[in-house]
Structures are given as C-alpha cells and as structure tokens.
C-alpha cells in the first residue's frame, strides 16, 4: 500500500514537471531567438517628434539588407527604461523608404517613460522633413462620429502647420448620414456650412477639416488623382475592412492599365 501510494505520487510530480518545463523551455527559447535576432540588425534614431495626445514618432536608420512588407511590426527595446522589456509596434514607413519609422502612443508605464525621456531631452524638433513627399491625401471614412476623436488633435496640428505649404489634403467622411444634396441631410448640411463659415471649425469632427456625408466616390477620387499626377507614382496606404481593401486594390490595377499614373497599393494589418 505504501509503495503504491509513493509510485502514484512520483508519477503525478513528473507529469506536473512536464507541464511546467515545456512552457518554460519554449519561453526561454523564444527570448534567446529574439536576443540573437536583435544583434543581427543595428538601428539608430535619426529624429523624434511628439504630437498631442502623448504620441511619439521615431525615425530610425534602415539596416542594410533589412526588407519588410507593409503592415509588419517590429519589437522595440529601450535600455534606458528597461533592459528586459520588448514591445511590438507596426512600421509606419513604406517598404521603399530609406528609413524606418514607428509611432508610439502612451498607454502604459513603459510607453509613458519613453515619451517623457524624448520629450525632456528636447528631441522633438519643430522642423520636419517630408522625405521628398510632394503631396499627401488623407481620407478618414467612418460610420461613428466619435471616431473622429482618434485623430482630432493630430488633424488640428497638421492643418495649422500645413496651412501655407498645402502639402497635405485631408478629407473626412461620415457614412451614417445621407449624401450631400439629399433632402434628408439638407438641415444638417446647412448648419454645418454656417458654423464652418463663421468659426472655421467643422461641427461634426470638431476640426478644421470639413466632413462630407456618405461614402467617397473612389473611382472619381482616383481619376482626379491620375489627372493631377500624370506619369507619377502614387502610394495608396489603406487600413480597414477587407472588402473595401480588395475594391481599392482592384481599382489601383484598373487605373494602372488605363492611365499613365502608377498606383501602388499597401494594406495595413493589425
């Protein structure tokens, strides 16, 4: 009876160790693999900028031979804050750019410390280089009015900085309201126009960017861009539902076949 009980206890202990050791080995192997890969590429910070809402933008050197596709993420470590913490962030730079860039929004202790470190060191410069960018068009399409709050501060700052240069054009679309010209949206359109004329602020988005109703006419938008930028290359960066993404990708191919302007489609994945 004693031997049977001892054998049963030893067996249970061995099973317990198996359940504990295997996850630990996987975790340690993953950490070792990440450490080895981190030593394969070295990247230096070229520029840092802070935006309203405690958002930090970092521009870094692109290691030789480093290739990636739009939508991938990288793990970032800041030894001054923690030598053991690694956090994933999506790359906001294009694969063809000669640098890497990420945007960090302060949501936790680590990101707050990183933001404060760059902010205190004065790395956030007032000047900003456009990397050869001549024109940018930003379309924010949403069904919920509250979604405009996500980029409200950034849109205000961009509008103020770009008021003289005119490099960036921003368009807001609220799909839950009938399109302009429809009898069911006449009243809200009139109030919106009056408020914008008096105060220069859109009553829907609470920004200097006028909000349009219904959905964008994407074929018309793309044809307009093709006429403005004949023979040029236009990068289309999209983040949203897959159905609309496939529609825009097909439209890019169609425009490439019918115009002299080349549209290159990229989709952001989260």
Protein backbone atom coordinates (compact mmCIF):
# COMPACT_ATOMS: atom_id res chain seq x y z
CA UNK A 1 0.00 0.00 0.00
CA UNK A 2 2.83 2.39 0.83
CA UNK A 3 4.76 1.58 -2.35
CA UNK A 4 1.65 2.05 -4.50
CA UNK A 5 0.95 5.46 -2.98
CA UNK A 6 4.57 6.55 -3.45
CA UNK A 7 4.58 5.44 -7.07
CA UNK A 8 1.36 7.34 -7.73
CA UNK A 9 2.76 10.49 -6.08
CA UNK A 10 6.01 10.35 -8.08
CA UNK A 11 4.05 9.87 -11.29
CA UNK A 12 1.92 12.94 -10.59
CA UNK A 13 5.02 15.02 -9.78
CA UNK A 14 6.65 14.01 -13.06
CA UNK A 15 3.53 14.94 -15.01
CA UNK A 16 3.46 18.31 -13.23
CA UNK A 17 7.09 18.98 -14.13
CA UNK A 18 6.38 18.17 -17.77
CA UNK A 19 3.59 20.75 -17.87
CA UNK A 20 5.86 23.36 -16.26
CA UNK A 21 9.17 22.67 -18.00
CA UNK A 22 7.88 22.63 -21.60
CA UNK A 23 6.31 26.16 -21.49
CA UNK A 24 9.41 27.47 -19.69
CA UNK A 25 11.70 25.99 -22.34
CA UNK A 26 9.56 27.48 -25.12
CA UNK A 27 9.65 30.88 -23.42
CA UNK A 28 13.41 30.78 -22.90
CA UNK A 29 13.97 29.63 -26.47
CA UNK A 30 11.83 32.48 -27.80
CA UNK A 31 13.75 35.00 -25.68
CA UNK A 32 17.10 33.64 -26.88
CA UNK A 33 15.94 33.73 -30.50
CA UNK A 34 14.76 37.31 -30.10
CA UNK A 35 18.08 38.32 -28.48
CA UNK A 36 20.08 36.76 -31.32
CA UNK A 37 17.94 38.48 -33.97
CA UNK A 38 18.26 41.81 -32.17
CA UNK A 39 22.03 41.60 -32.53
CA UNK A 40 21.75 40.97 -36.28
CA UNK A 41 20.45 44.49 -37.04
CA UNK A 42 21.53 47.81 -35.59
CA UNK A 43 19.33 50.88 -35.94
CA UNK A 44 19.96 54.43 -34.79
CA UNK A 45 17.39 57.14 -34.11
CA UNK A 46 17.53 59.94 -36.67
CA UNK A 47 14.67 62.10 -35.46
CA UNK A 48 11.95 62.14 -32.81
CA UNK A 49 8.78 64.19 -32.69
CA UNK A 50 5.94 64.42 -30.19
CA UNK A 51 2.31 65.06 -31.03
CA UNK A 52 -0.77 65.97 -28.99
CA UNK A 53 -2.20 63.05 -27.11
CA UNK A 54 1.29 61.95 -25.99
CA UNK A 55 2.19 60.31 -29.29
CA UNK A 56 5.88 59.82 -30.05
CA UNK A 57 7.13 59.43 -33.62
CA UNK A 58 10.56 57.87 -34.12
CA UNK A 59 12.53 57.90 -37.37
CA UNK A 60 15.39 55.39 -37.47
CA UNK A 61 18.10 54.22 -39.82
CA UNK A 62 17.22 51.23 -42.00
CA UNK A 63 19.76 48.40 -41.53
CA UNK A 64 21.49 47.17 -44.66
CA UNK A 65 19.67 44.20 -46.14
CA UNK A 66 16.59 44.71 -43.97
CA UNK A 67 13.45 44.04 -46.02
CA UNK A 68 9.81 44.04 -44.97
CA UNK A 69 6.27 44.39 -46.27
CA UNK A 70 3.62 46.95 -45.33
CA UNK A 71 1.79 46.09 -42.13
CA UNK A 72 4.56 44.17 -40.34
CA UNK A 73 5.63 45.03 -36.81
CA UNK A 74 8.96 45.18 -35.00
CA UNK A 75 9.90 44.64 -31.36
CA UNK A 76 11.41 47.69 -29.69
CA UNK A 77 13.57 47.82 -26.58
CA UNK A 78 14.67 50.94 -24.73
CA UNK A 79 17.56 50.05 -22.35
CA UNK A 80 17.26 53.40 -20.56
CA UNK A 81 13.75 52.39 -19.46
CA UNK A 82 14.06 48.59 -19.19
CA UNK A 83 16.67 46.12 -20.38
CA UNK A 84 14.21 43.24 -20.42
CA UNK A 85 11.02 44.67 -21.94
CA UNK A 86 10.31 44.37 -25.67
CA UNK A 87 7.16 45.89 -27.19
CA UNK A 88 5.73 45.38 -30.71
CA UNK A 89 4.90 48.35 -32.95
CA UNK A 90 3.73 48.49 -36.56
CA UNK A 91 6.14 50.09 -39.01
CA UNK A 92 4.58 53.27 -40.39
CA UNK A 93 7.26 53.78 -43.03
CA UNK A 94 6.87 52.44 -46.56
CA UNK A 95 9.00 49.45 -47.68
CA UNK A 96 10.68 51.65 -50.30
CA UNK A 97 11.71 54.32 -47.78
CA UNK A 98 15.36 54.58 -46.82
CA UNK A 99 14.47 54.72 -43.12
CA UNK A 100 12.20 53.06 -40.56
CA UNK A 101 9.52 54.84 -38.55
CA UNK A 102 7.10 53.92 -35.77
CA UNK A 103 4.50 55.82 -33.77
CA UNK A 104 4.17 55.12 -30.05
CA UNK A 105 1.06 56.20 -28.17
CA UNK A 106 1.49 56.50 -24.40
CA UNK A 107 -0.85 53.91 -22.89
CA UNK A 108 1.26 52.26 -20.18
CA UNK A 109 4.23 52.76 -17.88
CA UNK A 110 6.83 51.77 -20.48
CA UNK A 111 5.45 53.97 -23.27
CA UNK A 112 4.99 56.92 -20.88
CA UNK A 113 8.63 56.66 -19.76
CA UNK A 114 9.86 56.51 -23.36
CA UNK A 115 7.74 59.52 -24.32
CA UNK A 116 8.92 61.55 -21.30
CA UNK A 117 12.56 60.67 -22.00
CA UNK A 118 12.50 62.05 -25.55
CA UNK A 119 10.30 64.98 -24.57
CA UNK A 120 12.63 66.07 -21.79
CA UNK A 121 15.74 65.70 -23.94
CA UNK A 122 14.24 68.07 -26.48
CA UNK A 123 14.41 65.64 -29.38
CA UNK A 124 11.07 66.82 -30.65
CA UNK A 125 12.17 69.37 -33.23
CA UNK A 126 9.85 71.97 -34.72
CA UNK A 127 11.06 71.35 -38.23
CA UNK A 128 10.05 68.23 -40.14
CA UNK A 129 11.42 66.86 -43.35
CA UNK A 130 8.95 65.37 -45.86
CA UNK A 131 11.48 62.71 -47.40
CA UNK A 132 10.80 64.01 -50.90
CA UNK A 133 6.99 63.95 -50.37
CA UNK A 134 5.24 66.49 -52.60
CA UNK A 135 1.60 65.76 -51.87
CA UNK A 136 -0.42 63.61 -49.48
CA UNK A 137 -4.16 62.91 -49.37
CA UNK A 138 -5.71 61.61 -46.16
CA UNK A 139 -9.22 60.07 -46.23
CA UNK A 140 -10.85 59.18 -42.91
CA UNK A 141 -14.08 57.24 -43.53
CA UNK A 142 -16.17 56.19 -40.54
CA UNK A 143 -19.74 55.42 -39.56
CA UNK A 144 -19.41 56.73 -35.99
CA UNK A 145 -18.97 60.44 -35.34
CA UNK A 146 -16.99 59.67 -32.18
CA UNK A 147 -14.25 58.04 -34.26
CA UNK A 148 -13.05 61.47 -35.38
CA UNK A 149 -11.73 61.97 -31.85
CA UNK A 150 -8.93 59.47 -32.54
CA UNK A 151 -7.06 61.89 -34.81
CA UNK A 152 -8.67 65.18 -33.77
CA UNK A 153 -5.58 66.73 -32.19
CA UNK A 154 -3.28 65.50 -34.96
CA UNK A 155 -5.60 66.86 -37.68
CA UNK A 156 -5.68 70.24 -35.97
CA UNK A 157 -1.89 70.37 -35.71
CA UNK A 158 -1.37 69.22 -39.30
CA UNK A 159 -3.85 71.79 -40.58
CA UNK A 160 -2.08 74.57 -38.68
CA UNK A 161 1.42 73.58 -39.83
CA UNK A 162 0.41 72.90 -43.42
CA UNK A 163 -1.80 75.97 -43.91
CA UNK A 164 0.85 77.75 -46.02
CA UNK A 165 2.57 74.82 -47.72
CA UNK A 166 -0.54 72.96 -48.85
CA UNK A 167 1.23 69.59 -48.99
CA UNK A 168 -1.44 67.60 -47.13
CA UNK A 169 -5.12 67.46 -48.03
CA UNK A 170 -7.46 65.83 -45.52
CA UNK A 171 -11.00 64.57 -46.10
CA UNK A 172 -13.46 63.28 -43.52
CA UNK A 173 -16.46 61.13 -44.46
CA UNK A 174 -19.35 60.18 -42.17
CA UNK A 175 -21.24 57.29 -43.76
CA UNK A 176 -24.18 57.26 -41.31
CA UNK A 177 -25.57 60.49 -42.84
CA UNK A 178 -27.18 60.67 -46.28
CA UNK A 179 -25.02 62.15 -49.01
CA UNK A 180 -24.93 65.89 -49.63
CA UNK A 181 -27.82 67.11 -51.74
CA UNK A 182 -30.22 64.54 -50.31
CA UNK A 183 -33.37 66.09 -48.78
CA UNK A 184 -32.84 64.11 -45.59
CA UNK A 185 -29.49 65.79 -44.92
CA UNK A 186 -30.29 69.36 -46.02
CA UNK A 187 -30.75 70.72 -42.50
CA UNK A 188 -27.55 69.33 -41.02
CA UNK A 189 -25.62 70.40 -44.13
CA UNK A 190 -26.90 73.98 -43.76
CA UNK A 191 -25.97 74.11 -40.06
CA UNK A 192 -22.57 72.61 -40.82
CA UNK A 193 -21.83 75.13 -43.59
CA UNK A 194 -22.92 78.09 -41.45
CA UNK A 195 -20.80 77.02 -38.48
CA UNK A 196 -17.76 76.37 -40.68
CA UNK A 197 -18.07 79.78 -42.38
CA UNK A 198 -18.24 81.60 -39.02
CA UNK A 199 -15.69 79.68 -36.98
CA UNK A 200 -13.54 77.71 -39.44
CA UNK A 201 -14.26 74.51 -37.49
CA UNK A 202 -16.34 71.61 -38.70
CA UNK A 203 -19.27 70.96 -36.35
CA UNK A 204 -19.13 67.20 -36.97
CA UNK A 205 -15.42 66.38 -36.49
CA UNK A 206 -14.56 69.43 -34.35
CA UNK A 207 -11.53 70.02 -36.61
CA UNK A 208 -10.62 72.45 -39.44
CA UNK A 209 -11.34 69.57 -41.86
CA UNK A 210 -14.82 69.71 -43.40
CA UNK A 211 -16.80 66.47 -43.07
CA UNK A 212 -18.53 65.02 -46.13
CA UNK A 213 -21.53 62.72 -45.89
CA UNK A 214 -21.98 59.22 -47.31
CA UNK A 215 -19.06 57.30 -48.84
CA UNK A 216 -16.34 58.63 -51.15
CA UNK A 217 -16.76 58.01 -54.87
CA UNK A 218 -13.47 56.15 -55.14
CA UNK A 219 -13.35 55.90 -58.96
CA UNK A 220 -13.84 59.65 -59.15
CA UNK A 221 -11.16 60.21 -56.49
CA UNK A 222 -8.63 58.01 -58.30
CA UNK A 223 -9.36 59.56 -61.71
CA UNK A 224 -8.85 63.01 -60.19
CA UNK A 225 -5.50 61.97 -58.75
CA UNK A 226 -4.44 60.45 -62.07
CA UNK A 227 -5.16 63.75 -63.84
CA UNK A 228 -3.26 65.76 -61.25
CA UNK A 229 -0.23 63.47 -61.19
CA UNK A 230 0.23 62.24 -64.75
CA UNK A 231 3.14 59.83 -65.07
CA UNK A 232 3.86 59.82 -61.34
CA UNK A 233 3.84 57.05 -58.72
CA UNK A 234 1.15 57.22 -56.02
CA UNK A 235 1.32 55.01 -52.94
CA UNK A 236 -2.10 54.00 -51.61
CA UNK A 237 -1.97 53.02 -47.93
CA UNK A 238 -5.16 51.51 -46.57
CA UNK A 239 -6.33 50.32 -43.14
CA UNK A 240 -9.84 48.98 -42.76
CA UNK A 241 -12.27 46.18 -43.72
CA UNK A 242 -11.01 43.60 -46.20
CA UNK A 243 -13.91 44.10 -48.62
CA UNK A 244 -13.10 47.74 -49.25
CA UNK A 245 -9.40 46.90 -49.35
CA UNK A 246 -9.95 44.43 -52.19
CA UNK A 247 -12.08 47.01 -54.00
CA UNK A 248 -9.36 49.65 -53.77
CA UNK A 249 -6.67 47.19 -54.83
CA UNK A 250 -8.66 46.25 -57.95
CA UNK A 251 -9.17 49.94 -58.65
CA UNK A 252 -5.41 50.52 -58.46
CA UNK A 253 -4.78 47.79 -61.04
CA UNK A 254 -7.52 49.20 -63.25
CA UNK A 255 -6.05 52.71 -63.12
CA UNK A 256 -2.58 51.35 -63.90
CA UNK A 257 -3.96 49.79 -67.07
CA UNK A 258 -5.92 52.83 -68.24
CA UNK A 259 -3.80 55.83 -67.19
CA UNK A 260 -0.16 56.89 -67.20
CA UNK A 261 -0.17 57.17 -63.40
CA UNK A 262 1.01 54.20 -61.36
CA UNK A 263 -0.92 53.36 -58.16
CA UNK A 264 0.83 51.06 -55.67
CA UNK A 265 -1.49 49.52 -53.07
CA UNK A 266 -0.43 48.75 -49.48
CA UNK A 267 -2.65 47.42 -46.72
CA UNK A 268 -2.03 47.83 -43.00
CA UNK A 269 -2.66 44.75 -40.83
CA UNK A 270 -3.34 44.74 -37.09
